[in-house]
C-alpha cells in the first residue's frame, strides 16, 4: 500500500520566516518536543538548520503514519535528519505525554491551538510542567485575538469557519493562553507579528 506523504502549502510558505524568528532561541538548547508535527515539514526544515538540536516529533495516532512517511522520504532524498526522532503518539489529554520521563529544553507547536477545543488547550498547558526543564522555551505559532478582537477580517472569517465545525475549534485569546502559560511557570519573552496574520509567542519557564 502506498502511503501519501502529507504536505501543507502554508507550512512551505512560512517555514523560512518562522525559522528566522525562533532560531536565536533554539540555538541555545539541545532537546525539543514538537507537539502536533502534522506534515513534519517544520521538523525537516528547522532541524537541518539546527543540527545540534534533537527534534522529537509527535502527534495523535492518525497522523503518525504520514509523519513516518515524510521523514523517510526526506532521508531518502538526502536530507539526513540524524537529529530528528520518529514521532511519539501524543494526545494532550493523555495523563503521561512522554513515557521515558524525559524533560525537554524547548516545546514547539504550530497551528494547533485553534484546532483544539478550549478544554484541550487547557490540557496542553497543564501538561507542560511534567515534560520541560526550568529555563525551557515554549514557542507557539498561529493566529490569536487580542482583548477579544481579531487582528484582521480574514482571521474573523477563519474563526467563523472553525466554529462551524462544531468541535470546539476557534482562534484563541492571547490573554487566556498567556494566563495558562503563566500558571505553569512560563513568562512571556516576546510576541512576534508574523505574515498571514499570525503570531509567534515565546515563553520561558521560570519555575
C-alpha atoms as a PDB file:
ATOM      1  CA  UNK A   1       0.000   0.000   0.000  1.00  0.00           C
ATOM      2  CA  UNK A   2       1.340   3.402  -0.987  1.00  0.00           C
ATOM      3  CA  UNK A   3       1.324   5.996   1.781  1.00  0.00           C
ATOM      4  CA  UNK A   4       0.598   9.576   0.775  1.00  0.00           C
ATOM      5  CA  UNK A   5       3.232  11.982   2.064  1.00  0.00           C
ATOM      6  CA  UNK A   6       1.378  14.878   3.733  1.00  0.00           C
ATOM      7  CA  UNK A   7       2.093  18.399   2.545  1.00  0.00           C
ATOM      8  CA  UNK A   8       0.919  21.881   3.549  1.00  0.00           C
ATOM      9  CA  UNK A   9       1.286  24.918   1.291  1.00  0.00           C
ATOM     10  CA  UNK A  10       1.075  27.222   4.324  1.00  0.00           C
ATOM     11  CA  UNK A  11       3.948  25.377   6.041  1.00  0.00           C
ATOM     12  CA  UNK A  12       6.047  25.680   2.911  1.00  0.00           C
ATOM     13  CA  UNK A  13       5.344  29.411   2.554  1.00  0.00           C
ATOM     14  CA  UNK A  14       6.039  30.340   6.159  1.00  0.00           C
ATOM     15  CA  UNK A  15       8.812  27.948   7.224  1.00  0.00           C
ATOM     16  CA  UNK A  16      11.695  30.331   6.491  1.00  0.00           C
ATOM     17  CA  UNK A  17      10.299  33.309   8.386  1.00  0.00           C
ATOM     18  CA  UNK A  18       9.356  31.128  11.358  1.00  0.00           C
ATOM     19  CA  UNK A  19      12.848  29.642  11.436  1.00  0.00           C
ATOM     20  CA  UNK A  20      14.413  33.105  11.284  1.00  0.00           C
ATOM     21  CA  UNK A  21      12.255  34.168  14.245  1.00  0.00           C
ATOM     22  CA  UNK A  22      12.820  31.193  16.547  1.00  0.00           C
ATOM     23  CA  UNK A  23      16.384  30.232  15.635  1.00  0.00           C
ATOM     24  CA  UNK A  24      18.018  32.523  18.251  1.00  0.00           C
ATOM     25  CA  UNK A  25      16.149  30.638  20.994  1.00  0.00           C
ATOM     26  CA  UNK A  26      16.639  27.131  19.628  1.00  0.00           C
ATOM     27  CA  UNK A  27      20.371  27.645  19.151  1.00  0.00           C
ATOM     28  CA  UNK A  28      20.567  27.746  22.962  1.00  0.00           C
ATOM     29  CA  UNK A  29      19.007  24.319  23.565  1.00  0.00           C
ATOM     30  CA  UNK A  30      19.718  20.682  22.750  1.00  0.00           C
ATOM     31  CA  UNK A  31      16.325  18.962  23.007  1.00  0.00           C
ATOM     32  CA  UNK A  32      12.904  19.939  21.680  1.00  0.00           C
ATOM     33  CA  UNK A  33       9.474  18.333  21.610  1.00  0.00           C
ATOM     34  CA  UNK A  34       7.182  19.366  18.771  1.00  0.00           C
ATOM     35  CA  UNK A  35       3.519  18.884  19.700  1.00  0.00           C
ATOM     36  CA  UNK A  36       1.429  18.223  16.618  1.00  0.00           C
ATOM     37  CA  UNK A  37       4.085  17.656  13.954  1.00  0.00           C
ATOM     38  CA  UNK A  38       1.430  17.242  11.250  1.00  0.00           C
ATOM     39  CA  UNK A  39       3.163  17.082   7.877  1.00  0.00           C
ATOM     40  CA  UNK A  40       6.640  17.121   9.517  1.00  0.00           C
ATOM     41  CA  UNK A  41       7.674  19.981   7.209  1.00  0.00           C
ATOM     42  CA  UNK A  42       8.760  22.185  10.106  1.00  0.00           C
ATOM     43  CA  UNK A  43      10.684  19.338  11.738  1.00  0.00           C
ATOM     44  CA  UNK A  44      12.511  18.588   8.496  1.00  0.00           C
ATOM     45  CA  UNK A  45      13.310  22.209   7.619  1.00  0.00           C
ATOM     46  CA  UNK A  46      14.190  23.523  11.069  1.00  0.00           C
ATOM     47  CA  UNK A  47      16.293  20.536  12.105  1.00  0.00           C
ATOM     48  CA  UNK A  48      18.585  20.939   9.088  1.00  0.00           C
ATOM     49  CA  UNK A  49      19.392  24.494  10.184  1.00  0.00           C
ATOM     50  CA  UNK A  50      19.815  23.425  13.821  1.00  0.00           C
ATOM     51  CA  UNK A  51      21.959  20.318  13.541  1.00  0.00           C
ATOM     52  CA  UNK A  52      22.888  20.247  17.234  1.00  0.00           C
ATOM     53  CA  UNK A  53      19.218  20.197  18.297  1.00  0.00           C
ATOM     54  CA  UNK A  54      17.497  16.842  18.825  1.00  0.00           C
ATOM     55  CA  UNK A  55      13.971  17.318  17.456  1.00  0.00           C
ATOM     56  CA  UNK A  56      11.334  14.924  18.823  1.00  0.00           C
ATOM     57  CA  UNK A  57       8.226  14.810  16.636  1.00  0.00           C
ATOM     58  CA  UNK A  58       4.810  13.835  18.000  1.00  0.00           C
ATOM     59  CA  UNK A  59       1.143  13.765  17.069  1.00  0.00           C
ATOM     60  CA  UNK A  60      -2.122  11.918  17.520  1.00  0.00           C
ATOM     61  CA  UNK A  61      -2.303   8.334  16.303  1.00  0.00           C
ATOM     62  CA  UNK A  62      -3.991   9.042  12.959  1.00  0.00           C
ATOM     63  CA  UNK A  63      -1.141  11.317  11.834  1.00  0.00           C
ATOM     64  CA  UNK A  64       1.809   9.117  12.763  1.00  0.00           C
ATOM     65  CA  UNK A  65       1.899   7.150   9.509  1.00  0.00           C
ATOM     66  CA  UNK A  66       2.134  10.359   7.479  1.00  0.00           C
ATOM     67  CA  UNK A  67       4.948  11.722   9.654  1.00  0.00           C
ATOM     68  CA  UNK A  68       6.892   8.466   9.280  1.00  0.00           C
ATOM     69  CA  UNK A  69       6.411   8.666   5.501  1.00  0.00           C
ATOM     70  CA  UNK A  70       7.538  12.303   5.345  1.00  0.00           C
ATOM     71  CA  UNK A  71      10.675  11.642   7.405  1.00  0.00           C
ATOM     72  CA  UNK A  72      11.549   8.520   5.432  1.00  0.00           C
ATOM     73  CA  UNK A  73      11.140  10.394   2.147  1.00  0.00           C
ATOM     74  CA  UNK A  74      13.300  13.284   3.373  1.00  0.00           C
ATOM     75  CA  UNK A  75      16.044  10.855   4.328  1.00  0.00           C
ATOM     76  CA  UNK A  76      15.709   9.054   1.005  1.00  0.00           C
ATOM     77  CA  UNK A  77      16.340  12.245  -0.947  1.00  0.00           C
ATOM     78  CA  UNK A  78      19.401  13.053   1.108  1.00  0.00           C
ATOM     79  CA  UNK A  79      18.331  15.372   3.915  1.00  0.00           C
ATOM     80  CA  UNK A  80      19.999  13.228   6.578  1.00  0.00           C
ATOM     81  CA  UNK A  81      17.873  14.195   9.590  1.00  0.00           C
ATOM     82  CA  UNK A  82      20.031  12.317  12.090  1.00  0.00           C
ATOM     83  CA  UNK A  83      18.775  14.731  14.742  1.00  0.00           C
ATOM     84  CA  UNK A  84      15.058  14.130  14.081  1.00  0.00           C
ATOM     85  CA  UNK A  85      13.320  11.385  16.056  1.00  0.00           C
ATOM     86  CA  UNK A  86      10.335   9.437  14.773  1.00  0.00           C
ATOM     87  CA  UNK A  87       7.072  10.559  16.351  1.00  0.00           C
ATOM     88  CA  UNK A  88       5.708   9.810  19.764  1.00  0.00           C
ATOM     89  CA  UNK A  89       1.972   9.144  19.900  1.00  0.00           C
ATOM     90  CA  UNK A  90       0.753  12.136  21.882  1.00  0.00           C
ATOM     91  CA  UNK A  91      -2.673  13.479  22.681  1.00  0.00           C
ATOM     92  CA  UNK A  92      -2.661  16.432  25.064  1.00  0.00           C
ATOM     93  CA  UNK A  93      -5.352  14.697  27.129  1.00  0.00           C
ATOM     94  CA  UNK A  94      -3.033  11.780  27.935  1.00  0.00           C
ATOM     95  CA  UNK A  95      -2.057  11.573  31.600  1.00  0.00           C
ATOM     96  CA  UNK A  96       1.550  10.845  30.558  1.00  0.00           C
ATOM     97  CA  UNK A  97       2.902  12.551  27.448  1.00  0.00           C
ATOM     98  CA  UNK A  98       6.407  11.079  27.365  1.00  0.00           C
ATOM     99  CA  UNK A  99       6.765   7.618  28.871  1.00  0.00           C
ATOM    100  CA  UNK A 100      10.535   7.897  29.123  1.00  0.00           C
ATOM    101  CA  UNK A 101      10.153  10.734  31.603  1.00  0.00           C
ATOM    102  CA  UNK A 102      12.421  12.955  29.518  1.00  0.00           C
ATOM    103  CA  UNK A 103      12.244  16.697  30.151  1.00  0.00           C
ATOM    104  CA  UNK A 104      12.852  18.919  27.134  1.00  0.00           C
ATOM    105  CA  UNK A 105      14.592  22.271  26.850  1.00  0.00           C
ATOM    106  CA  UNK A 106      12.015  23.563  24.372  1.00  0.00           C
ATOM    107  CA  UNK A 107       8.468  22.811  23.234  1.00  0.00           C
ATOM    108  CA  UNK A 108       7.239  23.972  19.832  1.00  0.00           C
ATOM    109  CA  UNK A 109       3.760  23.804  18.362  1.00  0.00           C
ATOM    110  CA  UNK A 110       2.349  25.443  15.240  1.00  0.00           C
ATOM    111  CA  UNK A 111      -1.228  25.910  14.080  1.00  0.00           C
ATOM    112  CA  UNK A 112      -2.644  23.663  16.782  1.00  0.00           C
ATOM    113  CA  UNK A 113      -4.330  25.738  19.497  1.00  0.00           C
ATOM    114  CA  UNK A 114      -7.098  26.966  17.190  1.00  0.00           C
ATOM    115  CA  UNK A 115      -7.787  23.378  16.086  1.00  0.00           C
ATOM    116  CA  UNK A 116      -8.101  22.159  19.680  1.00  0.00           C
ATOM    117  CA  UNK A 117     -11.149  22.714  21.878  1.00  0.00           C
ATOM    118  CA  UNK A 118     -10.780  25.089  24.820  1.00  0.00           C
ATOM    119  CA  UNK A 119     -10.525  22.096  27.173  1.00  0.00           C
ATOM    120  CA  UNK A 120      -7.745  20.655  25.005  1.00  0.00           C
ATOM    121  CA  UNK A 121      -5.884  23.964  25.139  1.00  0.00           C
ATOM    122  CA  UNK A 122      -6.074  23.888  28.932  1.00  0.00           C
ATOM    123  CA  UNK A 123      -4.736  20.322  28.912  1.00  0.00           C
ATOM    124  CA  UNK A 124      -1.902  21.345  26.593  1.00  0.00           C
ATOM    125  CA  UNK A 125      -0.629  23.942  29.039  1.00  0.00           C
ATOM    126  CA  UNK A 126      -1.283  21.724  32.069  1.00  0.00           C
ATOM    127  CA  UNK A 127       0.906  19.004  30.549  1.00  0.00           C
ATOM    128  CA  UNK A 128       3.963  21.189  30.047  1.00  0.00           C
ATOM    129  CA  UNK A 129       5.243  21.064  33.608  1.00  0.00           C
ATOM    130  CA  UNK A 130       5.982  17.344  33.503  1.00  0.00           C
ATOM    131  CA  UNK A 131       7.973  17.432  30.259  1.00  0.00           C
ATOM    132  CA  UNK A 132      10.011  20.653  30.471  1.00  0.00           C
ATOM    133  CA  UNK A 133      13.029  21.789  32.450  1.00  0.00           C
ATOM    134  CA  UNK A 134      13.403  25.076  34.291  1.00  0.00           C
ATOM    135  CA  UNK A 135      14.546  27.588  31.673  1.00  0.00           C
ATOM    136  CA  UNK A 136      12.778  25.733  28.841  1.00  0.00           C
ATOM    137  CA  UNK A 137      11.300  27.734  25.973  1.00  0.00           C
ATOM    138  CA  UNK A 138       7.697  27.369  24.857  1.00  0.00           C
ATOM    139  CA  UNK A 139       7.102  28.531  21.278  1.00  0.00           C
ATOM    140  CA  UNK A 140       3.581  28.718  19.843  1.00  0.00           C
ATOM    141  CA  UNK A 141       2.803  29.809  16.289  1.00  0.00           C
ATOM    142  CA  UNK A 142      -0.639  30.625  14.936  1.00  0.00           C
ATOM    143  CA  UNK A 143      -3.456  33.205  14.901  1.00  0.00           C
ATOM    144  CA  UNK A 144      -4.667  34.894  18.093  1.00  0.00           C
ATOM    145  CA  UNK A 145      -7.182  37.506  19.227  1.00  0.00           C
ATOM    146  CA  UNK A 146      -6.244  40.419  21.473  1.00  0.00           C
ATOM    147  CA  UNK A 147      -8.713  41.779  24.004  1.00  0.00           C
ATOM    148  CA  UNK A 148     -11.337  39.614  22.238  1.00  0.00           C
ATOM    149  CA  UNK A 149     -10.676  41.385  18.896  1.00  0.00           C
ATOM    150  CA  UNK A 150      -9.346  39.779  15.714  1.00  0.00           C
ATOM    151  CA  UNK A 151      -6.191  41.154  14.121  1.00  0.00           C
ATOM    152  CA  UNK A 152      -7.759  41.017  10.650  1.00  0.00           C
ATOM    153  CA  UNK A 153     -11.041  40.420   8.866  1.00  0.00           C
ATOM    154  CA  UNK A 154      -9.620  37.244   7.364  1.00  0.00           C
ATOM    155  CA  UNK A 155      -8.961  35.883  10.847  1.00  0.00           C
ATOM    156  CA  UNK A 156     -12.552  36.699  11.837  1.00  0.00           C
ATOM    157  CA  UNK A 157     -13.766  34.734   8.804  1.00  0.00           C
ATOM    158  CA  UNK A 158     -11.372  31.900   9.634  1.00  0.00           C
ATOM    159  CA  UNK A 159     -12.697  31.794  13.196  1.00  0.00           C
ATOM    160  CA  UNK A 160     -16.275  31.529  11.935  1.00  0.00           C
ATOM    161  CA  UNK A 161     -15.218  28.633   9.709  1.00  0.00           C
ATOM    162  CA  UNK A 162     -13.504  26.897  12.631  1.00  0.00           C
ATOM    163  CA  UNK A 163     -16.524  27.299  14.891  1.00  0.00           C
ATOM    164  CA  UNK A 164     -18.831  25.899  12.199  1.00  0.00           C
ATOM    165  CA  UNK A 165     -17.135  22.526  12.609  1.00  0.00           C
ATOM    166  CA  UNK A 166     -18.859  22.112  15.951  1.00  0.00           C
ATOM    167  CA  UNK A 167     -15.873  20.506  17.704  1.00  0.00           C
ATOM    168  CA  UNK A 168     -14.729  23.479  19.766  1.00  0.00           C
ATOM    169  CA  UNK A 169     -12.131  24.843  17.336  1.00  0.00           C
ATOM    170  CA  UNK A 170     -11.633  28.624  17.456  1.00  0.00           C
ATOM    171  CA  UNK A 171      -8.947  31.293  17.370  1.00  0.00           C
ATOM    172  CA  UNK A 172      -7.773  31.725  20.971  1.00  0.00           C
ATOM    173  CA  UNK A 173      -7.479  34.882  23.025  1.00  0.00           C
ATOM    174  CA  UNK A 174      -3.877  35.831  23.712  1.00  0.00           C
ATOM    175  CA  UNK A 175      -4.731  36.902  27.251  1.00  0.00           C
ATOM    176  CA  UNK A 176      -6.233  33.495  28.035  1.00  0.00           C
ATOM    177  CA  UNK A 177      -3.306  31.448  26.739  1.00  0.00           C
ATOM    178  CA  UNK A 178      -0.791  33.770  28.372  1.00  0.00           C
ATOM    179  CA  UNK A 179      -2.552  33.256  31.704  1.00  0.00           C
ATOM    180  CA  UNK A 180      -2.484  29.476  31.195  1.00  0.00           C
ATOM    181  CA  UNK A 181       1.222  29.595  30.385  1.00  0.00           C
ATOM    182  CA  UNK A 182       1.964  31.773  33.401  1.00  0.00           C
ATOM    183  CA  UNK A 183       0.105  29.333  35.656  1.00  0.00           C
ATOM    184  CA  UNK A 184       2.614  26.669  34.599  1.00  0.00           C
ATOM    185  CA  UNK A 185       5.599  28.898  35.390  1.00  0.00           C
ATOM    186  CA  UNK A 186       6.189  30.316  31.898  1.00  0.00           C
ATOM    187  CA  UNK A 187       6.862  34.030  31.460  1.00  0.00           C
ATOM    188  CA  UNK A 188       6.270  35.706  28.105  1.00  0.00           C
ATOM    189  CA  UNK A 189       9.512  36.806  26.451  1.00  0.00           C
ATOM    190  CA  UNK A 190       8.275  38.030  23.078  1.00  0.00           C
ATOM    191  CA  UNK A 191       5.190  38.281  20.892  1.00  0.00           C
ATOM    192  CA  UNK A 192       6.207  38.448  17.219  1.00  0.00           C
ATOM    193  CA  UNK A 193       3.832  39.565  14.477  1.00  0.00           C
ATOM    194  CA  UNK A 194       4.178  37.170  11.562  1.00  0.00           C
ATOM    195  CA  UNK A 195       2.984  37.040   7.942  1.00  0.00           C
ATOM    196  CA  UNK A 196      -0.560  35.945   7.110  1.00  0.00           C
ATOM    197  CA  UNK A 197      -1.962  37.473  10.330  1.00  0.00           C
ATOM    198  CA  UNK A 198      -0.232  35.002  12.605  1.00  0.00           C
ATOM    199  CA  UNK A 199       1.810  35.421  15.777  1.00  0.00           C
ATOM    200  CA  UNK A 200       4.823  33.651  17.229  1.00  0.00           C
ATOM    201  CA  UNK A 201       4.689  33.629  21.028  1.00  0.00           C
ATOM    202  CA  UNK A 202       7.791  32.763  23.028  1.00  0.00           C
ATOM    203  CA  UNK A 203       7.713  31.989  26.751  1.00  0.00           C
ATOM    204  CA  UNK A 204      10.419  30.719  29.096  1.00  0.00           C
ATOM    205  CA  UNK A 205       9.863  28.555  32.145  1.00  0.00           C
ATOM    206  CA  UNK A 206      10.971  30.477  35.227  1.00  0.00           C
ATOM    207  CA  UNK A 207       9.890  27.981  37.891  1.00  0.00           C
END
